[in-house]
Amino acid sequence: MPKVDLNVPEHLEMQIAQLVEQGEFVDRNEAVEELLSTGLKAYKTSGPMDDEEPEFEDEGMMGHEDEYVF
């Protein structure tokens, strides 16, 4: 499986940690993999229906100025 380096805002990291602590996921890696997979499936079913590239605001995803690295 390919490795991906991902920087997330502190509030998202805290939410992921909380889900792991609550037993929703075995560990952080499983949580991130499952949440990304679910998000991509949701985007595919509700995302743009044409061939245009999605547009993102200059402030980053969800209005935060944090940098996202995939």
C-alpha atoms as a PDB file:
ATOM      1  CA  MET A   1       0.000   0.000   0.000  1.00  0.00           C
ATOM      2  CA  PRO A   2       1.405   3.429  -0.892  1.00  0.00           C
ATOM      3  CA  LYS A   3       2.347   5.792   1.919  1.00  0.00           C
ATOM      4  CA  VAL A   4       0.954   9.320   2.066  1.00  0.00           C
ATOM      5  CA  ASP A   5       2.180  12.192   4.231  1.00  0.00           C
ATOM      6  CA  LEU A   6      -0.744  14.251   5.415  1.00  0.00           C
ATOM      7  CA  ASN A   7      -0.786  17.431   7.497  1.00  0.00           C
ATOM      8  CA  VAL A   8      -4.129  18.153   9.156  1.00  0.00           C
ATOM      9  CA  PRO A   9      -5.255  20.964  11.417  1.00  0.00           C
ATOM     10  CA  GLU A  10      -5.079  20.318  15.151  1.00  0.00           C
ATOM     11  CA  HIS A  11      -8.879  20.201  15.505  1.00  0.00           C
ATOM     12  CA  LEU A  12      -9.120  17.367  12.960  1.00  0.00           C
ATOM     13  CA  GLU A  13      -6.317  15.430  14.649  1.00  0.00           C
ATOM     14  CA  MET A  14      -8.162  15.763  17.952  1.00  0.00           C
ATOM     15  CA  GLN A  15     -11.382  14.464  16.380  1.00  0.00           C
ATOM     16  CA  ILE A  16      -9.548  11.477  14.880  1.00  0.00           C
ATOM     17  CA  ALA A  17      -7.890  10.705  18.222  1.00  0.00           C
ATOM     18  CA  GLN A  18     -11.269  10.897  19.945  1.00  0.00           C
ATOM     19  CA  LEU A  19     -12.806   8.431  17.470  1.00  0.00           C
ATOM     20  CA  VAL A  20      -9.946   5.999  18.128  1.00  0.00           C
ATOM     21  CA  GLU A  21     -10.320   6.418  21.907  1.00  0.00           C
ATOM     22  CA  GLN A  22     -14.059   5.741  21.618  1.00  0.00           C
ATOM     23  CA  GLY A  23     -13.297   2.479  19.826  1.00  0.00           C
ATOM     24  CA  GLU A  24     -14.687   3.525  16.457  1.00  0.00           C
ATOM     25  CA  PHE A  25     -11.364   2.543  14.879  1.00  0.00           C
ATOM     26  CA  VAL A  26      -8.521   0.245  15.962  1.00  0.00           C
ATOM     27  CA  ASP A  27      -5.844   2.900  15.461  1.00  0.00           C
ATOM     28  CA  ARG A  28      -5.119   6.243  13.838  1.00  0.00           C
ATOM     29  CA  ASN A  29      -4.062   4.684  10.516  1.00  0.00           C
ATOM     30  CA  GLU A  30      -7.322   2.771  10.184  1.00  0.00           C
ATOM     31  CA  ALA A  31      -9.293   5.910  11.074  1.00  0.00           C
ATOM     32  CA  VAL A  32      -7.556   8.071   8.472  1.00  0.00           C
ATOM     33  CA  GLU A  33      -7.854   5.406   5.769  1.00  0.00           C
ATOM     34  CA  GLU A  34     -11.555   4.816   6.422  1.00  0.00           C
ATOM     35  CA  LEU A  35     -12.408   8.509   6.725  1.00  0.00           C
ATOM     36  CA  LEU A  36     -10.566   9.337   3.479  1.00  0.00           C
ATOM     37  CA  SER A  37     -12.259   6.461   1.685  1.00  0.00           C
ATOM     38  CA  THR A  38     -15.693   7.538   2.914  1.00  0.00           C
ATOM     39  CA  GLY A  39     -15.009  11.148   1.946  1.00  0.00           C
ATOM     40  CA  LEU A  40     -13.879  10.188  -1.539  1.00  0.00           C
ATOM     41  CA  LYS A  41     -16.975   8.035  -2.060  1.00  0.00           C
ATOM     42  CA  ALA A  42     -19.196  10.901  -0.900  1.00  0.00           C
ATOM     43  CA  TYR A  43     -17.385  13.338  -3.191  1.00  0.00           C
ATOM     44  CA  LYS A  44     -17.728  10.973  -6.141  1.00  0.00           C
ATOM     45  CA  THR A  45     -21.484  10.681  -5.655  1.00  0.00           C
ATOM     46  CA  SER A  46     -22.149  14.359  -4.917  1.00  0.00           C
ATOM     47  CA  GLY A  47     -19.203  16.123  -6.560  1.00  0.00           C
ATOM     48  CA  PRO A  48     -19.005  17.941  -9.860  1.00  0.00           C
ATOM     49  CA  MET A  49     -20.741  16.114 -12.666  1.00  0.00           C
ATOM     50  CA  ASP A  50     -18.815  17.780 -15.484  1.00  0.00           C
ATOM     51  CA  ASP A  51     -15.177  17.625 -16.570  1.00  0.00           C
ATOM     52  CA  GLU A  52     -14.202  20.861 -14.826  1.00  0.00           C
ATOM     53  CA  GLU A  53     -11.574  20.797 -12.104  1.00  0.00           C
ATOM     54  CA  PRO A  54     -12.977  21.483  -8.618  1.00  0.00           C
ATOM     55  CA  GLU A  55     -12.259  24.993  -7.386  1.00  0.00           C
ATOM     56  CA  PHE A  56     -10.901  25.571  -3.890  1.00  0.00           C
ATOM     57  CA  GLU A  57     -10.794  28.823  -1.982  1.00  0.00           C
ATOM     58  CA  ASP A  58      -7.442  30.478  -1.401  1.00  0.00           C
ATOM     59  CA  GLU A  59      -7.824  29.892   2.335  1.00  0.00           C
ATOM     60  CA  GLY A  60      -7.690  26.104   1.932  1.00  0.00           C
ATOM     61  CA  MET A  61     -10.276  23.462   2.571  1.00  0.00           C
ATOM     62  CA  MET A  62     -13.127  24.233   4.961  1.00  0.00           C
ATOM     63  CA  GLY A  63     -12.051  27.866   5.296  1.00  0.00           C
ATOM     64  CA  HIS A  64      -8.887  27.160   7.274  1.00  0.00           C
ATOM     65  CA  GLU A  65      -5.515  28.537   6.306  1.00  0.00           C
ATOM     66  CA  ASP A  66      -3.723  25.270   7.109  1.00  0.00           C
ATOM     67  CA  GLU A  67      -1.668  23.630   4.393  1.00  0.00           C
ATOM     68  CA  TYR A  68      -2.803  20.233   3.127  1.00  0.00           C
ATOM     69  CA  VAL A  69      -0.138  17.924   1.725  1.00  0.00           C
ATOM     70  CA  PHE A  70      -1.080  14.693  -0.024  1.00  0.00           C
END
